Protein backbone atom coordinates (compact mmCIF):
# COMPACT_ATOMS: atom_id res chain seq x y z
CA MET A 1 -45.06 -96.02 -31.83
CA ARG A 2 -42.12 -93.83 -30.39
CA LEU A 3 -40.17 -94.24 -27.61
CA LEU A 4 -37.76 -93.12 -25.10
CA GLN A 5 -34.25 -94.69 -24.22
CA THR A 6 -33.74 -94.34 -20.76
CA LYS A 7 -30.40 -93.58 -20.79
CA GLY A 8 -30.00 -90.97 -22.91
CA TYR A 9 -33.14 -89.04 -22.64
CA ARG A 10 -33.62 -89.93 -26.19
CA LEU A 11 -36.91 -90.01 -28.30
CA VAL A 12 -36.33 -92.20 -31.16
CA GLU A 13 -38.98 -92.50 -33.74
CA SER A 14 -40.89 -95.91 -34.76
CA ASN A 15 -39.14 -96.23 -37.62
CA ASP A 16 -35.63 -96.45 -36.26
CA LEU A 17 -36.90 -98.69 -33.48
CA PRO A 18 -35.34 -102.01 -33.29
CA ASP A 19 -37.04 -104.50 -35.01
CA PRO A 20 -39.06 -106.73 -33.21
CA LEU A 21 -39.98 -104.21 -31.01
CA PRO A 22 -38.14 -104.21 -27.85
CA LYS A 23 -39.87 -104.90 -24.07
CA TYR A 24 -40.83 -101.43 -22.89
CA ALA A 25 -41.80 -99.50 -19.57
CA ILE A 26 -44.93 -97.44 -19.90
CA LEU A 27 -46.28 -94.43 -17.55
CA SER A 28 -49.39 -93.38 -15.89
CA HIS A 29 -49.48 -90.45 -14.15
CA THR A 30 -51.50 -87.02 -13.81
CA TRP A 31 -50.06 -83.94 -16.16
CA ILE A 32 -48.61 -81.02 -14.02
CA SER A 33 -50.09 -79.20 -16.70
CA PRO A 34 -50.15 -78.61 -20.41
CA LYS A 35 -47.76 -75.80 -20.09
CA ASP A 36 -45.10 -77.82 -18.05
CA GLU A 37 -45.14 -81.28 -19.41
CA ILE A 38 -42.52 -81.65 -22.16
CA THR A 39 -44.42 -82.28 -25.71
CA TYR A 40 -43.61 -83.98 -28.88
CA GLN A 41 -42.83 -80.93 -30.09
CA ASP A 42 -40.46 -79.44 -27.79
CA PHE A 43 -38.11 -82.46 -28.40
CA LYS A 44 -38.09 -81.43 -32.00
CA GLN A 45 -37.57 -77.83 -31.62
CA ARG A 46 -36.58 -76.71 -28.10
CA LYS A 47 -34.36 -80.06 -27.10
CA GLY A 48 -31.52 -77.15 -26.52
CA ASP A 49 -33.64 -74.93 -23.97
CA ILE A 50 -34.72 -77.96 -22.06
CA GLU A 51 -31.08 -79.34 -21.51
CA ASN A 52 -29.91 -75.80 -20.73
CA ASP A 53 -32.55 -75.39 -18.00
CA ILE A 54 -34.34 -72.58 -19.55
CA PHE A 55 -37.66 -74.39 -20.41
CA LYS A 56 -40.68 -76.39 -19.12
CA GLN A 57 -37.87 -77.54 -16.05
CA LYS A 58 -40.62 -79.45 -14.23
CA GLY A 59 -41.83 -81.41 -17.24
CA TRP A 60 -38.06 -82.05 -18.12
CA ALA A 61 -37.43 -83.55 -14.43
CA LYS A 62 -40.39 -85.16 -14.62
CA LEU A 63 -39.21 -87.38 -17.68
CA ARG A 64 -36.04 -87.34 -16.32
CA ARG A 65 -36.84 -89.29 -13.21
CA TYR A 66 -38.76 -91.60 -14.97
CA CYS A 67 -36.25 -92.60 -17.00
CA ASP A 68 -33.88 -93.04 -14.16
CA ARG A 69 -36.47 -94.85 -12.47
CA ALA A 70 -37.19 -97.40 -15.36
CA ALA A 71 -33.24 -97.20 -16.09
CA ARG A 72 -32.65 -98.51 -12.77
CA ASP A 73 -34.99 -101.34 -13.15
CA GLY A 74 -33.26 -102.63 -15.98
CA TRP A 75 -35.56 -101.02 -18.85
CA GLU A 76 -33.66 -99.54 -21.73
CA TRP A 77 -36.76 -98.61 -23.39
CA ALA A 78 -39.58 -96.40 -22.07
CA TRP A 79 -43.17 -94.82 -23.19
CA MET A 80 -44.41 -91.67 -21.81
CA ASP A 81 -47.59 -90.20 -23.33
CA THR A 82 -46.83 -86.43 -23.19
CA CYS A 83 -43.95 -86.95 -25.62
CA CYS A 84 -43.86 -89.93 -27.42
CA ILE A 85 -47.62 -88.46 -29.28
CA ASP A 86 -47.90 -85.72 -31.83
CA LYS A 87 -50.81 -83.93 -30.39
CA THR A 88 -50.55 -81.55 -32.85
CA ASN A 89 -51.09 -84.43 -35.33
CA PRO A 90 -54.75 -85.67 -35.65
CA ALA A 91 -53.85 -88.81 -37.35
CA ASP A 92 -51.30 -89.31 -34.82
CA THR A 93 -53.54 -88.78 -31.58
CA GLN A 94 -55.98 -90.85 -33.54
CA GLU A 95 -53.81 -94.22 -33.49
CA ALA A 96 -52.64 -93.62 -30.24
CA ILE A 97 -56.28 -93.13 -28.58
CA ASN A 98 -57.51 -96.25 -30.51
CA ALA A 99 -53.95 -97.87 -29.53
CA MET A 100 -53.35 -97.18 -25.88
CA PHE A 101 -54.66 -99.78 -24.07
CA ARG A 102 -53.27 -102.21 -26.46
CA TRP A 103 -49.73 -100.68 -26.01
CA TYR A 104 -50.31 -100.64 -21.83
CA GLN A 105 -51.32 -104.43 -22.16
CA ASN A 106 -48.05 -104.71 -23.85
CA ALA A 107 -45.56 -102.91 -21.88
CA GLY A 108 -43.31 -105.26 -19.60
CA ILE A 109 -43.95 -103.03 -16.46
CA CYS A 110 -46.10 -99.93 -15.83
CA TYR A 111 -45.13 -97.48 -13.37
CA ALA A 112 -47.95 -95.73 -11.95
CA TYR A 113 -46.84 -92.26 -10.16
CA LEU A 114 -48.25 -90.62 -7.70
CA GLU A 115 -47.33 -87.15 -7.41
CA ASP A 116 -48.94 -86.56 -4.24
CA VAL A 117 -48.04 -89.57 -2.26
CA ASP A 118 -45.19 -88.75 -0.54
CA VAL A 119 -43.35 -91.50 1.59
CA ASN A 120 -41.08 -89.39 3.71
CA ARG A 121 -44.14 -86.56 4.63
CA VAL A 122 -46.31 -89.84 5.65
CA LEU A 123 -44.01 -92.28 7.61
CA GLY A 124 -41.84 -89.33 9.17
CA ARG A 125 -41.38 -90.30 12.51
CA PRO A 126 -38.25 -88.05 14.12
CA GLY A 127 -35.64 -89.83 15.68
CA LEU A 128 -36.42 -93.14 13.75
CA ALA A 129 -34.75 -94.18 10.86
CA THR A 130 -37.72 -95.09 8.71
CA GLY A 131 -38.64 -91.11 8.89
CA ASN A 132 -36.05 -90.03 6.10
CA PHE A 133 -36.31 -92.65 3.42
CA PRO A 134 -33.88 -91.76 0.72
CA THR A 135 -34.79 -91.76 -3.11
CA ASP A 136 -33.12 -95.13 -4.22
CA LEU A 137 -34.96 -96.99 -1.29
CA ASP A 138 -38.05 -98.57 -2.08
CA LEU A 139 -40.34 -99.57 0.49
CA ASP A 140 -41.27 -102.83 -1.29
CA ASP A 141 -37.31 -104.13 -0.74
CA ILE A 142 -37.08 -103.56 3.01
CA ALA A 143 -37.10 -107.02 5.07
CA GLY A 144 -39.53 -107.44 7.76
CA LYS A 145 -43.22 -106.08 8.89
CA ASP A 146 -41.88 -102.31 7.39
CA ASN A 147 -42.18 -104.16 3.75
CA VAL A 148 -45.05 -101.96 2.53
CA ALA A 149 -46.74 -105.29 0.80
CA ASN A 150 -47.35 -106.09 4.39
CA ALA A 151 -50.85 -105.18 4.64
CA THR A 152 -50.61 -105.35 8.31
CA GLY A 153 -47.66 -103.24 8.79
CA PHE A 154 -46.95 -99.85 9.92
CA SER A 155 -46.35 -98.78 6.27
CA HIS A 156 -49.13 -100.03 4.68
CA MET A 157 -51.15 -98.60 7.07
CA ALA A 158 -49.80 -95.30 7.11
CA LEU A 159 -49.77 -95.12 3.53
CA LYS A 160 -53.49 -96.57 2.63
CA ALA A 161 -55.43 -93.22 3.29
CA PHE A 162 -53.01 -91.24 1.27
CA LEU A 163 -52.82 -93.55 -1.44
CA ILE A 164 -56.77 -93.85 -1.37
CA LYS A 165 -57.02 -90.54 -1.88
CA ALA A 166 -54.70 -89.68 -4.99
CA LYS A 167 -55.55 -87.56 -7.54
CA TRP A 168 -54.40 -90.69 -9.93
CA PHE A 169 -57.91 -92.15 -9.17
CA THR A 170 -60.08 -89.41 -10.17
CA ARG A 171 -58.95 -89.24 -13.54
CA GLY A 172 -60.26 -90.47 -17.01
CA TRP A 173 -57.53 -92.00 -18.57
CA THR A 174 -55.73 -93.85 -15.73
CA LEU A 175 -58.74 -96.03 -15.39
CA GLN A 176 -57.54 -98.35 -18.31
CA GLU A 177 -54.00 -97.97 -17.49
CA LEU A 178 -55.01 -99.48 -13.95
CA LEU A 179 -56.60 -102.15 -15.69
CA ALA A 180 -54.33 -103.07 -19.08
CA PRO A 181 -50.52 -103.76 -18.12
CA PRO A 182 -49.97 -107.16 -16.83
CA TYR A 183 -47.68 -105.56 -14.16
CA LEU A 184 -47.94 -102.16 -12.55
CA VAL A 185 -46.24 -100.87 -9.33
CA PHE A 186 -47.37 -97.51 -7.73
CA VAL A 187 -43.85 -95.07 -6.90
CA ASP A 188 -44.25 -91.82 -4.66
CA ARG A 189 -43.58 -88.25 -5.53
CA ALA A 190 -39.53 -89.56 -5.02
CA TRP A 191 -40.07 -92.52 -7.36
CA ARG A 192 -39.40 -94.68 -4.68
CA ARG A 193 -41.29 -98.27 -5.48
CA ILE A 194 -44.61 -98.62 -2.50
CA GLY A 195 -45.81 -101.73 -3.57
CA THR A 196 -47.63 -103.09 -6.85
CA ARG A 197 -51.10 -103.02 -7.97
CA GLU A 198 -52.32 -106.44 -5.97
CA ASN A 199 -50.32 -105.41 -2.97
CA TRP A 200 -53.21 -102.55 -2.51
CA ALA A 201 -55.76 -104.61 -4.01
CA ASN A 202 -58.12 -103.39 -1.23
CA GLU A 203 -57.57 -100.05 -1.48
CA ILE A 204 -58.20 -100.14 -5.17
CA LYS A 205 -61.51 -101.32 -4.33
CA GLU A 206 -61.92 -98.72 -2.51
CA ALA A 207 -60.85 -95.84 -4.37
CA SER A 208 -62.80 -96.69 -7.38
CA ARG A 209 -65.07 -99.70 -6.77
CA ILE A 210 -62.86 -102.01 -8.92
CA ASP A 211 -62.82 -106.15 -7.68
CA ALA A 212 -59.46 -107.46 -7.19
CA LYS A 213 -60.32 -110.08 -9.51
CA HIS A 214 -60.50 -107.56 -12.24
CA LEU A 215 -57.36 -106.05 -11.77
CA THR A 216 -55.16 -109.12 -12.52
CA SER A 217 -57.53 -110.81 -15.11
CA PHE A 218 -59.54 -107.81 -17.21
CA ASN A 219 -60.84 -108.78 -20.52
CA PRO A 220 -62.50 -106.27 -22.70
CA THR A 221 -64.22 -108.75 -24.28
CA ASP A 222 -65.65 -110.68 -21.63
CA PHE A 223 -68.62 -109.26 -20.40
CA ILE A 224 -69.90 -112.46 -18.36
CA ALA A 225 -66.81 -111.11 -15.86
CA CYS A 226 -67.56 -107.86 -15.85
CA SER A 227 -70.69 -106.11 -17.54
CA ILE A 228 -71.15 -102.80 -19.77
CA ALA A 229 -72.61 -101.15 -16.63
CA MET A 230 -70.08 -101.95 -14.38
CA ARG A 231 -67.27 -100.69 -16.45
CA LEU A 232 -69.43 -97.45 -16.74
CA SER A 233 -69.73 -97.11 -13.40
CA TRP A 234 -66.23 -96.93 -12.56
CA ALA A 235 -65.60 -94.40 -14.85
CA SER A 236 -68.50 -92.37 -13.69
CA GLN A 237 -66.84 -90.19 -10.77
CA ARG A 238 -63.71 -89.48 -13.01
CA GLU A 239 -62.84 -86.33 -14.70
CA THR A 240 -60.82 -85.54 -18.10
CA THR A 241 -59.98 -81.92 -18.67
CA VAL A 242 -61.12 -82.69 -22.38
CA GLU A 243 -64.74 -83.38 -22.52
CA GLU A 244 -64.67 -85.55 -25.32
CA ASP A 245 -61.71 -87.62 -23.53
CA GLU A 246 -64.68 -88.73 -20.78
CA THR A 247 -65.63 -90.79 -23.60
CA TYR A 248 -62.36 -91.58 -26.01
CA SER A 249 -60.35 -92.79 -22.56
CA LEU A 250 -62.82 -95.90 -22.49
CA LEU A 251 -62.71 -97.33 -25.66
CA GLY A 252 -59.70 -100.07 -24.61
CA LEU A 253 -62.09 -101.01 -21.54
CA PHE A 254 -64.19 -102.51 -24.56
CA GLY A 255 -62.04 -103.41 -27.20
CA ILE A 256 -63.54 -100.87 -30.12
CA SER A 257 -62.16 -98.02 -31.82
CA LEU A 258 -64.64 -94.76 -32.78
CA PRO A 259 -63.42 -91.68 -34.49
CA LEU A 260 -62.35 -89.01 -32.56
CA ILE A 261 -64.26 -85.82 -33.46
CA TYR A 262 -63.25 -82.93 -30.53
CA GLY A 263 -65.57 -80.41 -30.48
CA GLU A 264 -68.54 -82.75 -30.38
CA GLY A 265 -69.11 -82.34 -26.69
CA ARG A 266 -69.36 -84.87 -24.10
CA SER A 267 -73.33 -85.96 -24.60
CA ARG A 268 -72.51 -86.75 -28.21
CA ALA A 269 -69.52 -88.62 -27.81
CA PHE A 270 -70.90 -90.83 -25.19
CA ASN A 271 -74.11 -91.33 -27.03
CA ARG A 272 -71.53 -92.21 -30.38
CA LEU A 273 -69.78 -95.05 -27.70
CA GLN A 274 -73.42 -96.54 -26.65
CA ARG A 275 -74.58 -97.06 -30.19
CA GLU A 276 -71.44 -99.02 -31.43
CA LEU A 277 -71.23 -101.09 -28.06
CA ILE A 278 -75.08 -101.82 -29.16
CA THR A 279 -73.97 -103.22 -32.16
CA VAL A 280 -70.60 -104.65 -31.37
CA TYR A 281 -71.76 -106.66 -27.89
CA ASN A 282 -75.28 -108.14 -27.09
CA ASP A 283 -75.05 -106.84 -23.15
CA ASP A 284 -78.11 -105.28 -22.21
CA SER A 285 -76.44 -103.88 -19.00
CA ILE A 286 -75.61 -100.76 -20.93
CA PHE A 287 -79.45 -100.01 -20.24
CA ALA A 288 -79.44 -100.31 -16.55
CA TRP A 289 -78.47 -96.83 -15.72
CA LYS A 290 -80.45 -94.23 -13.48
CA ALA A 291 -80.33 -90.56 -12.86
CA PRO A 292 -78.02 -89.21 -10.28
CA GLN A 293 -80.08 -88.54 -6.99
CA PRO A 294 -79.09 -85.13 -4.81
CA ASN A 295 -77.25 -86.02 -2.05
CA ARG A 296 -75.92 -84.45 1.26
CA HIS A 297 -72.71 -83.38 -0.89
CA LEU A 298 -75.15 -81.85 -3.77
CA SER A 299 -76.96 -78.45 -3.19
CA GLY A 300 -80.66 -79.08 -4.69
CA GLY A 301 -80.14 -75.84 -6.81
CA HIS A 302 -77.57 -77.61 -9.10
CA TRP A 303 -80.26 -79.97 -10.18
CA LYS A 304 -82.41 -77.11 -11.69
CA GLY A 305 -82.76 -78.04 -15.35
CA TYR A 306 -81.48 -81.29 -15.18
CA ASN A 307 -83.47 -83.55 -17.21
CA PRO A 308 -82.27 -87.13 -18.40
CA GLY A 309 -85.22 -87.42 -21.07
CA GLY A 310 -87.03 -90.55 -21.67
CA GLY A 311 -84.59 -92.52 -23.88
CA ILE A 312 -83.33 -95.76 -23.77
CA LEU A 313 -79.41 -94.39 -23.77
CA ALA A 314 -77.83 -92.62 -20.91
CA PRO A 315 -77.49 -88.63 -21.48
CA SER A 316 -74.00 -89.14 -19.88
CA ILE A 317 -71.43 -91.64 -17.94
CA ARG A 318 -72.92 -90.01 -14.41
CA GLU A 319 -76.14 -91.90 -14.75
CA PHE A 320 -73.95 -94.94 -14.15
CA TRP A 321 -73.06 -94.05 -10.46
CA ASP A 322 -74.78 -96.80 -9.02
CA ALA A 323 -74.44 -99.57 -11.63
CA PHE A 324 -70.97 -101.37 -9.88
CA SER A 325 -72.73 -104.23 -8.88
CA VAL A 326 -74.88 -104.93 -12.13
CA ARG A 327 -73.90 -108.52 -13.99
CA SER A 328 -74.54 -109.66 -17.36
CA PHE A 329 -76.28 -112.91 -17.15
CA GLY A 330 -75.34 -114.20 -20.60
CA PHE A 331 -76.16 -113.47 -24.29
CA HIS A 332 -78.99 -116.09 -24.56
CA GLY A 333 -81.69 -114.10 -23.18
CA ASN A 334 -82.47 -110.49 -25.09
CA SER A 335 -81.50 -109.19 -28.35
CA PHE A 336 -81.68 -105.91 -29.51
CA SER A 337 -80.41 -102.95 -32.23
CA MET A 338 -80.82 -99.99 -33.06
CA THR A 339 -82.91 -98.75 -35.74
CA ASN A 340 -84.48 -95.50 -37.12
CA ARG A 341 -87.67 -95.97 -35.04
CA GLY A 342 -84.98 -96.05 -31.84
CA LEU A 343 -84.26 -99.15 -29.81
CA GLU A 344 -85.76 -102.48 -30.58
CA ILE A 345 -85.32 -104.89 -28.08
CA ASN A 346 -86.99 -108.50 -28.04
CA ALA A 347 -87.67 -108.64 -24.41
CA LYS A 348 -90.34 -110.23 -21.93
CA ARG A 349 -92.35 -107.80 -20.90
CA TRP A 350 -95.28 -106.99 -18.35
CA ARG A 351 -97.96 -104.87 -18.98
CA ARG A 352 -99.68 -102.65 -16.03
CA LYS A 353 -103.78 -104.04 -15.78
CA ASP A 354 -105.16 -100.71 -15.06
CA ASP A 355 -103.10 -98.80 -17.68
CA PHE A 356 -102.01 -100.32 -20.70
CA GLU A 357 -99.83 -97.55 -21.64
CA LYS A 358 -97.38 -98.37 -19.17
CA CYS A 359 -95.41 -101.86 -19.12
CA LEU A 360 -92.02 -103.28 -17.71
CA ILE A 361 -89.29 -105.08 -19.82
CA ARG A 362 -87.21 -107.23 -18.49
CA LEU A 363 -83.25 -106.94 -18.94
CA ASN A 364 -81.11 -109.80 -18.90
CA CYS A 365 -78.84 -108.33 -15.87
CA GLY A 366 -78.84 -107.53 -12.30
CA VAL A 367 -77.14 -107.65 -9.14
CA GLU A 368 -78.17 -111.61 -8.59
CA THR A 369 -79.47 -114.18 -11.00
CA SER A 370 -82.83 -114.24 -9.24
CA LYS A 371 -83.36 -110.32 -9.62
CA HIS A 372 -83.17 -108.96 -12.76
CA ILE A 373 -83.91 -105.58 -13.87
CA GLY A 374 -86.93 -104.14 -15.41
CA ILE A 375 -87.30 -100.86 -16.90
CA PRO A 376 -90.24 -98.69 -16.52
CA LEU A 377 -91.87 -97.58 -19.52
CA ALA A 378 -94.61 -95.70 -21.45
CA HIS A 379 -96.16 -95.50 -24.67
CA VAL A 380 -96.15 -92.09 -26.29
CA LYS A 381 -96.80 -91.30 -30.29
CA GLY A 382 -96.17 -94.95 -31.19
CA SER A 383 -92.98 -96.04 -29.60
CA TYR A 384 -92.16 -96.32 -25.86
CA GLU A 385 -90.19 -93.67 -23.60
CA ARG A 386 -88.49 -94.70 -20.17
CA ILE A 387 -90.29 -93.46 -17.04
CA GLN A 388 -89.19 -93.25 -13.69
CA VAL A 389 -85.85 -92.41 -14.94
CA GLU A 390 -84.40 -92.51 -11.23
CA GLU A 391 -84.63 -95.82 -10.23
CA LEU A 392 -84.43 -99.07 -11.73
CA GLN A 393 -87.00 -102.09 -11.29
CA ASP A 394 -86.08 -105.33 -9.13
CA MET A 395 -88.17 -108.06 -11.28
CA SER A 396 -88.48 -109.99 -8.22
CA THR A 397 -90.60 -107.06 -6.06
CA ILE A 398 -93.14 -106.91 -8.51
CA ASN A 399 -96.23 -107.44 -6.99
CA PHE A 400 -98.02 -109.93 -10.84
CA GLY A 401 -101.14 -108.83 -9.27
CA ASP A 402 -100.94 -105.71 -10.66
CA TRP A 403 -99.16 -106.90 -14.08
CA GLU A 404 -100.24 -109.02 -16.92
CA GLU A 405 -97.54 -111.30 -18.23
CA GLU A 406 -97.32 -111.12 -22.56
CA GLY A 407 -96.47 -114.39 -23.85
CA GLY A 408 -92.96 -114.86 -25.21
CA SER A 409 -90.69 -112.34 -26.06
CA GLN A 410 -92.08 -109.03 -27.28
CA SER A 411 -90.77 -106.67 -29.70
CA THR A 412 -90.54 -103.01 -28.30
CA PHE A 413 -89.08 -100.16 -30.01
CA ILE A 414 -88.17 -97.35 -27.33
CA ARG A 415 -86.81 -94.05 -27.87
CA ALA A 416 -83.26 -93.74 -28.38
CA SER A 417 -81.80 -90.64 -27.61
CA ASN A 418 -81.93 -87.99 -24.48
CA ASN A 419 -80.91 -84.28 -24.73
CA LEU A 420 -78.97 -84.34 -27.86
CA SER A 421 -80.09 -80.97 -29.10
CA ALA A 422 -77.13 -79.00 -30.42
CA LEU A 423 -75.74 -76.80 -28.13
CA ALA A 424 -73.90 -73.39 -29.12
CA PRO A 425 -70.25 -73.86 -29.31
CA SER A 426 -67.80 -72.56 -26.44
CA SER A 427 -67.19 -68.90 -26.79
CA ILE A 428 -64.05 -66.94 -26.16
CA PHE A 429 -64.54 -63.72 -24.55
CA ALA A 430 -61.68 -60.75 -24.36
CA LEU A 431 -61.40 -58.46 -21.01
CA LYS A 432 -60.47 -55.08 -22.17
CA TYR A 433 -59.76 -52.90 -19.28
CA PRO A 434 -57.83 -49.36 -18.82
CA ASN A 435 -54.73 -49.43 -16.18
CA GLN A 436 -57.08 -48.43 -13.13
CA VAL A 437 -58.71 -51.88 -13.42
CA LYS A 438 -57.31 -54.75 -11.63
CA ILE A 439 -58.36 -58.24 -12.71
CA GLY A 440 -58.93 -60.58 -9.20
CA LYS A 441 -59.72 -64.44 -9.11
CA LYS A 442 -62.03 -66.21 -11.21
CA TYR A 443 -64.81 -68.69 -10.60
CA PHE A 444 -67.37 -70.42 -12.41
CA ILE A 445 -70.78 -72.60 -11.85
CA ASP A 446 -71.63 -75.01 -14.90
CA PHE A 447 -75.04 -76.10 -14.89
CA GLY A 448 -74.35 -78.53 -18.03
CA ILE A 449 -75.42 -82.10 -17.85
CA GLY A 450 -72.14 -83.75 -17.65
CA MET A 451 -71.36 -80.96 -14.39
CA VAL A 452 -74.75 -82.06 -12.19
CA GLY A 453 -73.82 -81.30 -8.68
CA THR A 454 -70.96 -79.31 -9.17
CA GLY A 455 -70.42 -76.08 -7.70
CA LEU A 456 -68.69 -73.05 -7.43
CA GLN A 457 -64.94 -73.67 -8.74
CA TYR A 458 -61.85 -72.00 -9.65
CA PHE A 459 -61.64 -70.96 -13.36
CA ALA A 460 -58.89 -73.00 -15.47
CA GLU A 461 -55.79 -70.84 -16.71
CA SER A 462 -55.27 -72.48 -19.49
CA PHE A 463 -58.04 -74.05 -21.84
CA PRO A 464 -56.43 -77.22 -24.08
CA GLY A 465 -56.78 -77.01 -27.69
CA TYR A 466 -57.08 -73.03 -27.64
CA ASP A 467 -54.03 -70.49 -28.11
CA LEU A 468 -55.59 -67.41 -26.32
CA GLN A 469 -53.73 -64.01 -25.67
CA LYS A 470 -53.59 -62.66 -22.69
CA ASP A 471 -56.91 -61.73 -20.50
CA GLU A 472 -58.80 -64.41 -23.12
CA LEU A 473 -60.85 -67.06 -21.57
CA VAL A 474 -63.48 -69.65 -23.04
CA ILE A 475 -66.59 -70.02 -21.19
CA ASP A 476 -68.62 -73.03 -22.34
CA PRO A 477 -72.70 -73.16 -22.73
CA ASN A 478 -74.74 -73.03 -18.96
CA GLN A 479 -71.64 -71.73 -17.33
CA ILE A 480 -71.81 -68.79 -15.12
CA ILE A 481 -68.42 -66.87 -14.54
CA PHE A 482 -67.80 -64.70 -11.82
CA ILE A 483 -64.87 -62.43 -12.13
CA ASN A 484 -63.16 -59.93 -8.95
CA ILE A 485 -62.09 -56.90 -10.51
CA GLU A 486 -60.68 -53.58 -8.13
CA ILE A 487 -61.31 -49.97 -9.99
CA GLN A 488 -58.34 -47.49 -8.12
CA GLY A 489 -59.68 -44.28 -8.04
CA VAL A 490 -57.63 -41.36 -7.25
CA VAL A 491 -58.57 -41.73 -3.30
CA ASP A 492 -60.81 -44.72 -3.18
CA LYS A 493 -61.21 -48.29 -4.50
CA THR A 494 -63.93 -49.93 -5.76
CA GLU A 495 -64.70 -54.00 -5.63
CA LEU A 496 -66.96 -55.36 -8.01
CA ASP A 497 -67.35 -58.59 -9.45
CA LEU A 498 -67.98 -59.06 -13.61
CA ILE A 499 -70.79 -61.39 -14.34
CA ILE A 500 -70.86 -63.39 -17.13
CA ASN A 501 -73.60 -65.53 -18.17
CA LEU A 502 -73.75 -67.67 -21.06
CA THR A 503 -77.23 -69.79 -21.98
CA GLU A 504 -77.17 -73.28 -23.70
CA ARG A 505 -77.84 -71.27 -26.75
CA GLY A 506 -74.85 -69.92 -26.37
CA PHE A 507 -76.91 -66.04 -25.75
CA PRO A 508 -74.25 -63.97 -23.02
CA SER A 509 -75.55 -61.75 -20.57
CA ILE A 510 -72.78 -59.46 -18.85
CA GLY A 511 -73.50 -57.58 -15.73
CA ILE A 512 -71.65 -55.59 -12.49
CA MET A 513 -72.17 -57.28 -9.14
CA ASP A 514 -71.54 -53.95 -6.52
CA ARG A 515 -69.97 -55.88 -3.33
CA GLY A 516 -70.87 -53.15 -1.30
CA LYS A 517 -74.58 -52.22 -2.26
CA SER A 518 -77.50 -54.40 -0.27
CA PRO A 519 -78.70 -57.19 -0.87
CA TRP A 520 -74.98 -58.14 -1.51
CA GLU A 521 -72.26 -57.95 1.19
CA ARG A 522 -68.40 -57.83 0.63
CA LEU A 523 -68.18 -61.38 -0.40
CA GLY A 524 -64.39 -61.74 -0.64
CA ASP A 525 -62.96 -65.36 -1.56
CA PRO A 526 -65.92 -67.72 -2.04
CA MET A 527 -63.63 -71.04 -1.99
CA ALA A 528 -61.96 -69.84 1.26
CA GLN A 529 -65.01 -68.70 3.00
CA ALA A 530 -67.58 -71.46 1.91
CA LEU A 531 -70.39 -68.61 1.06
CA ASP A 532 -73.27 -69.53 -1.34
CA ARG A 533 -74.25 -66.49 -2.25
CA TYR A 534 -72.50 -66.72 -5.61
CA GLU A 535 -74.14 -70.02 -6.25
CA GLY A 536 -77.31 -68.32 -5.02
CA LEU A 537 -76.74 -65.63 -7.96
CA ALA A 538 -75.98 -68.02 -10.65
CA GLU A 539 -79.06 -70.64 -9.94
CA LEU A 540 -81.17 -67.22 -10.04
CA LEU A 541 -79.74 -66.32 -13.50
CA HIS A 542 -79.72 -69.89 -14.57
CA GLU A 543 -83.47 -70.20 -13.62
CA LYS A 544 -84.32 -67.10 -15.37
CA ASN A 545 -82.35 -67.23 -18.78
CA PRO A 546 -82.78 -63.61 -19.52
CA PRO A 547 -84.18 -62.75 -22.77
CA ALA A 548 -82.14 -59.78 -23.10
CA PRO A 549 -78.34 -58.71 -21.85
CA ILE A 550 -78.78 -57.94 -18.00
CA GLU A 551 -76.71 -54.71 -17.93
CA LYS A 552 -76.23 -54.38 -14.26
CA ILE A 553 -77.37 -56.15 -11.08
CA ALA A 554 -77.05 -54.41 -8.18
């Protein structure tokens, strides 16, 4: 573990730290961008350029203000993930990710930096002293009703909506950083303190669905207090820049370690996590998932091709979207283990009287102790598969006239995995064009499992893990890319859309869409104009899955 000296902004290697390890502050934040943050390599190779104001000034400003904040509060040492981990060293990254929860747990204080919350912007009131807070004034130090810790005070009420919507609550890594530290304080864009985790417990629940009791007493191995399903539900709507980190960011929440295999994809990483949890713990709420349902925020076309399968393991973390109330009822009930035939579970079983191929097994979990969860199964080729994966059965509502209970606990083999067919790797496309062509904005739609329900998005300018040249871009399987291009002629300018379609098997199709020809009108910026023509075309291409390249789309 490396640490920063807060008063000199100096990075100190683990061998040079005092023994025993000194108490330290730790930072939880969302990255500016990988190109702007100060890395371990920057400290080693370009420290002079950084200090001379010619390199990564955004990242350097964040690091300095963090250290200044910690030093002002009396902390000589501080940890920051951007520069205290050598991400070019796989062994260093492996150690850091598996130890991350413990490092936050052992910190003396955690600063949760909300870059998109600005006290002056929120509380600015012309003519009043509270409208312009100096950077060294902390809102949890103000006397009286304007103290931000006062839940009924003006400051607290005004900041509430902004804190709930902070980007910090949408990121995967910040989940364990919220739960692990013994003491966490929020700071705004100017590094002013705006209250502790406990001050904002109600707002945190609204933003993350985490009850206040878990904020101060979370134990990674106590599944009676907080089930596996509940923890996975907390992470089900969060995002990570690297898809495998969707799983790796959860390891500390369960007190387990896994080898890191970047490139395996989100589905395989999450599958490995589930199998490890089954091996280590006896909490069958891990099976209490159900397929997501389209709602008013999701257009139906984004669900085309989605198939959660019939296995007992969830295909992605998204399937735990509705499990935030699921409780484990203890470890005295069912037992289960993974075998080469799938999951073997010993549980109470009911068989359908009018169709003996169908049955229900009862899990030892549910929303209430009187409402165990049941999983509908069907017998297929020597084992069972999940059916009706869009729902879980409330056993208290079963009409037992239709079901026959089998005596004792029954051994049931259920197919394990879903959707683990090997996907093609990501592809790198290089855009080569003459001077007359101008590249405009880029958009994409992703039809992958982990992105179900995601509409048109701006295409990223950088790709973590890839050293790309100018005009190179990375496209993942099941993505469709739209690139606005202009061709400048002698007199006129022609506006077109370049379309790159990469199927789940990595088969590319490239086409040109003329924005001036019927039936496609001039599309402009679809993100700004909220037009759905790009999405309609993407759905058409995804459903068609052409056997040969499409040379032109008129």
